[in-house]
Amino acid sequence: MQVIKLTCNECATSVEGHFQNCRFCQLDAELLQFLEVFLRCRGMLSGVEKELGISYPTARNKLDALLLALGMTPIQTLSNGQVAEAQQEVLDQLERGEISAEEAARKLRALK
């Protein structure tokens, strides 16, 4: 999907063109919720644990998934198994039509 028209709800002014979607707009609801909690907790995973009622390793895994969904690689090196799993998730997203081929290529490059 591509955004081609923006309209003001108050004055009905419209602008047409080809607009780039932001990375955050493409996040699924679960990752978006995690991001919001992460930001409210000022990046402290211990706070995210408490807020979401999840373990620290689960919070860290969700953060890694968020980074990968945004096309970023965690600074900590991923194991071969984690890379393969992340690559498969990108390919699955592409197959389901959730991301474009360009976005998939960017995410796959970020995993290397």
C-alpha atoms as a PDB file:
ATOM      1  CA  MET A   1       0.000   0.000   0.000  1.00  0.00           C
ATOM      2  CA  GLN A   2       1.144   3.503  -0.713  1.00  0.00           C
ATOM      3  CA  VAL A   3      -0.244   6.718   0.726  1.00  0.00           C
ATOM      4  CA  ILE A   4      -1.184   9.082  -2.106  1.00  0.00           C
ATOM      5  CA  LYS A   5      -3.515  11.566  -0.427  1.00  0.00           C
ATOM      6  CA  LEU A   6      -3.467  13.405   2.908  1.00  0.00           C
ATOM      7  CA  THR A   7      -6.546  15.307   4.089  1.00  0.00           C
ATOM      8  CA  CYS A   8      -7.051  17.639   7.051  1.00  0.00           C
ATOM      9  CA  ASN A   9     -10.069  16.552   9.111  1.00  0.00           C
ATOM     10  CA  GLU A  10     -10.831  20.108  10.177  1.00  0.00           C
ATOM     11  CA  CYS A  11     -10.599  22.164   6.976  1.00  0.00           C
ATOM     12  CA  ALA A  12     -10.757  19.373   4.343  1.00  0.00           C
ATOM     13  CA  THR A  13      -7.570  20.613   2.650  1.00  0.00           C
ATOM     14  CA  SER A  14      -5.971  17.804   0.666  1.00  0.00           C
ATOM     15  CA  VAL A  15      -2.483  17.171  -0.613  1.00  0.00           C
ATOM     16  CA  GLU A  16      -1.895  14.489  -3.226  1.00  0.00           C
ATOM     17  CA  GLY A  17       1.367  12.821  -4.136  1.00  0.00           C
ATOM     18  CA  HIS A  18       3.386   9.753  -3.266  1.00  0.00           C
ATOM     19  CA  PHE A  19       4.217   9.756   0.435  1.00  0.00           C
ATOM     20  CA  GLN A  20       6.683   7.496   2.197  1.00  0.00           C
ATOM     21  CA  ASN A  21       5.229   5.462   5.073  1.00  0.00           C
ATOM     22  CA  CYS A  22       7.157   5.759   8.304  1.00  0.00           C
ATOM     23  CA  ARG A  23       8.769   2.655   9.777  1.00  0.00           C
ATOM     24  CA  PHE A  24       6.601   2.840  12.882  1.00  0.00           C
ATOM     25  CA  CYS A  25       3.365   2.834  10.879  1.00  0.00           C
ATOM     26  CA  GLN A  26       4.226  -0.645   9.611  1.00  0.00           C
ATOM     27  CA  LEU A  27       4.530  -2.242  13.066  1.00  0.00           C
ATOM     28  CA  ASP A  28       1.894  -4.749  14.104  1.00  0.00           C
ATOM     29  CA  ALA A  29      -0.232  -3.946  17.174  1.00  0.00           C
ATOM     30  CA  GLU A  30       1.846  -6.089  19.553  1.00  0.00           C
ATOM     31  CA  LEU A  31       5.165  -4.483  18.614  1.00  0.00           C
ATOM     32  CA  LEU A  32       3.627  -1.014  18.667  1.00  0.00           C
ATOM     33  CA  GLN A  33       2.319  -1.641  22.193  1.00  0.00           C
ATOM     34  CA  PHE A  34       5.756  -2.902  23.236  1.00  0.00           C
ATOM     35  CA  LEU A  35       7.393   0.218  21.775  1.00  0.00           C
ATOM     36  CA  GLU A  36       4.984   2.494  23.653  1.00  0.00           C
ATOM     37  CA  VAL A  37       5.636   0.703  26.956  1.00  0.00           C
ATOM     38  CA  PHE A  38       9.392   0.685  26.285  1.00  0.00           C
ATOM     39  CA  LEU A  39       9.342   4.454  25.723  1.00  0.00           C
ATOM     40  CA  ARG A  40       7.184   5.106  28.800  1.00  0.00           C
ATOM     41  CA  CYS A  41       9.696   3.065  30.823  1.00  0.00           C
ATOM     42  CA  ARG A  42      12.501   5.207  29.350  1.00  0.00           C
ATOM     43  CA  GLY A  43      14.175   2.207  27.775  1.00  0.00           C
ATOM     44  CA  MET A  44      14.461   0.209  30.978  1.00  0.00           C
ATOM     45  CA  LEU A  45      13.594  -3.422  30.263  1.00  0.00           C
ATOM     46  CA  SER A  46      13.020  -4.051  33.973  1.00  0.00           C
ATOM     47  CA  GLY A  47      10.155  -1.547  33.811  1.00  0.00           C
ATOM     48  CA  VAL A  48       8.815  -3.193  30.658  1.00  0.00           C
ATOM     49  CA  GLU A  49       8.847  -6.539  32.490  1.00  0.00           C
ATOM     50  CA  LYS A  50       6.698  -5.154  35.282  1.00  0.00           C
ATOM     51  CA  GLU A  51       4.361  -3.207  33.000  1.00  0.00           C
ATOM     52  CA  LEU A  52       3.666  -6.134  30.658  1.00  0.00           C
ATOM     53  CA  GLY A  53       4.030  -8.927  33.220  1.00  0.00           C
ATOM     54  CA  ILE A  54       6.708 -10.726  31.198  1.00  0.00           C
ATOM     55  CA  SER A  55      10.152 -12.084  32.008  1.00  0.00           C
ATOM     56  CA  TYR A  56      13.329 -10.167  31.253  1.00  0.00           C
ATOM     57  CA  PRO A  57      14.379 -12.610  28.470  1.00  0.00           C
ATOM     58  CA  THR A  58      10.937 -12.211  26.872  1.00  0.00           C
ATOM     59  CA  ALA A  59      11.231  -8.410  27.058  1.00  0.00           C
ATOM     60  CA  ARG A  60      14.698  -8.582  25.480  1.00  0.00           C
ATOM     61  CA  ASN A  61      13.414 -10.891  22.710  1.00  0.00           C
ATOM     62  CA  LYS A  62      10.535  -8.511  22.003  1.00  0.00           C
ATOM     63  CA  LEU A  63      12.991  -5.617  21.805  1.00  0.00           C
ATOM     64  CA  ASP A  64      15.105  -7.598  19.321  1.00  0.00           C
ATOM     65  CA  ALA A  65      11.949  -8.359  17.285  1.00  0.00           C
ATOM     66  CA  LEU A  66      11.055  -4.657  17.330  1.00  0.00           C
ATOM     67  CA  LEU A  67      14.506  -3.680  16.104  1.00  0.00           C
ATOM     68  CA  LEU A  68      14.361  -6.256  13.312  1.00  0.00           C
ATOM     69  CA  ALA A  69      10.865  -5.095  12.292  1.00  0.00           C
ATOM     70  CA  LEU A  70      12.295  -1.582  12.001  1.00  0.00           C
ATOM     71  CA  GLY A  71      15.143  -2.888   9.853  1.00  0.00           C
ATOM     72  CA  MET A  72      17.776  -2.533  12.561  1.00  0.00           C
ATOM     73  CA  THR A  73      20.063  -5.138  14.034  1.00  0.00           C
ATOM     74  CA  PRO A  74      20.619  -5.337  17.755  1.00  0.00           C
ATOM     75  CA  ILE A  75      24.183  -4.377  18.663  1.00  0.00           C
ATOM     76  CA  GLN A  76      24.651  -7.762  20.299  1.00  0.00           C
ATOM     77  CA  THR A  77      25.507 -10.284  17.589  1.00  0.00           C
ATOM     78  CA  LEU A  78      22.700 -12.684  16.735  1.00  0.00           C
ATOM     79  CA  SER A  79      23.369 -16.403  16.699  1.00  0.00           C
ATOM     80  CA  ASN A  80      23.048 -18.255  13.399  1.00  0.00           C
ATOM     81  CA  GLY A  81      19.735 -19.716  14.582  1.00  0.00           C
ATOM     82  CA  GLN A  82      18.374 -16.273  15.478  1.00  0.00           C
ATOM     83  CA  VAL A  83      19.463 -14.871  12.119  1.00  0.00           C
ATOM     84  CA  ALA A  84      17.815 -17.758  10.258  1.00  0.00           C
ATOM     85  CA  GLU A  85      14.620 -17.282  12.276  1.00  0.00           C
ATOM     86  CA  ALA A  86      14.594 -13.537  11.633  1.00  0.00           C
ATOM     87  CA  GLN A  87      15.242 -14.084   7.913  1.00  0.00           C
ATOM     88  CA  GLN A  88      12.326 -16.513   7.737  1.00  0.00           C
ATOM     89  CA  GLU A  89      10.055 -13.998   9.485  1.00  0.00           C
ATOM     90  CA  VAL A  90      10.985 -11.338   6.910  1.00  0.00           C
ATOM     91  CA  LEU A  91      10.256 -13.753   4.073  1.00  0.00           C
ATOM     92  CA  ASP A  92       6.925 -14.692   5.686  1.00  0.00           C
ATOM     93  CA  GLN A  93       5.994 -10.998   5.973  1.00  0.00           C
ATOM     94  CA  LEU A  94       6.843 -10.535   2.305  1.00  0.00           C
ATOM     95  CA  GLU A  95       4.766 -13.554   1.302  1.00  0.00           C
ATOM     96  CA  ARG A  96       1.776 -12.286   3.302  1.00  0.00           C
ATOM     97  CA  GLY A  97       2.101  -8.915   1.551  1.00  0.00           C
ATOM     98  CA  GLU A  98       2.823  -7.082   4.809  1.00  0.00           C
ATOM     99  CA  ILE A  99       6.030  -5.544   3.461  1.00  0.00           C
ATOM    100  CA  SER A 100       7.335  -4.619   0.028  1.00  0.00           C
ATOM    101  CA  ALA A 101      10.222  -6.360  -1.714  1.00  0.00           C
ATOM    102  CA  GLU A 102      12.374  -3.285  -1.044  1.00  0.00           C
ATOM    103  CA  GLU A 103      11.542  -3.379   2.657  1.00  0.00           C
ATOM    104  CA  ALA A 104      12.289  -7.116   2.799  1.00  0.00           C
ATOM    105  CA  ALA A 105      15.634  -6.573   1.092  1.00  0.00           C
ATOM    106  CA  ARG A 106      16.517  -3.793   3.561  1.00  0.00           C
ATOM    107  CA  LYS A 107      15.614  -5.985   6.534  1.00  0.00           C
ATOM    108  CA  LEU A 108      17.553  -8.947   5.172  1.00  0.00           C
ATOM    109  CA  ARG A 109      20.629  -6.764   4.566  1.00  0.00           C
ATOM    110  CA  ALA A 110      20.380  -5.493   8.153  1.00  0.00           C
ATOM    111  CA  LEU A 111      20.563  -9.081   9.415  1.00  0.00           C
ATOM    112  CA  LYS A 112      23.973  -9.719   7.847  1.00  0.00           C
END
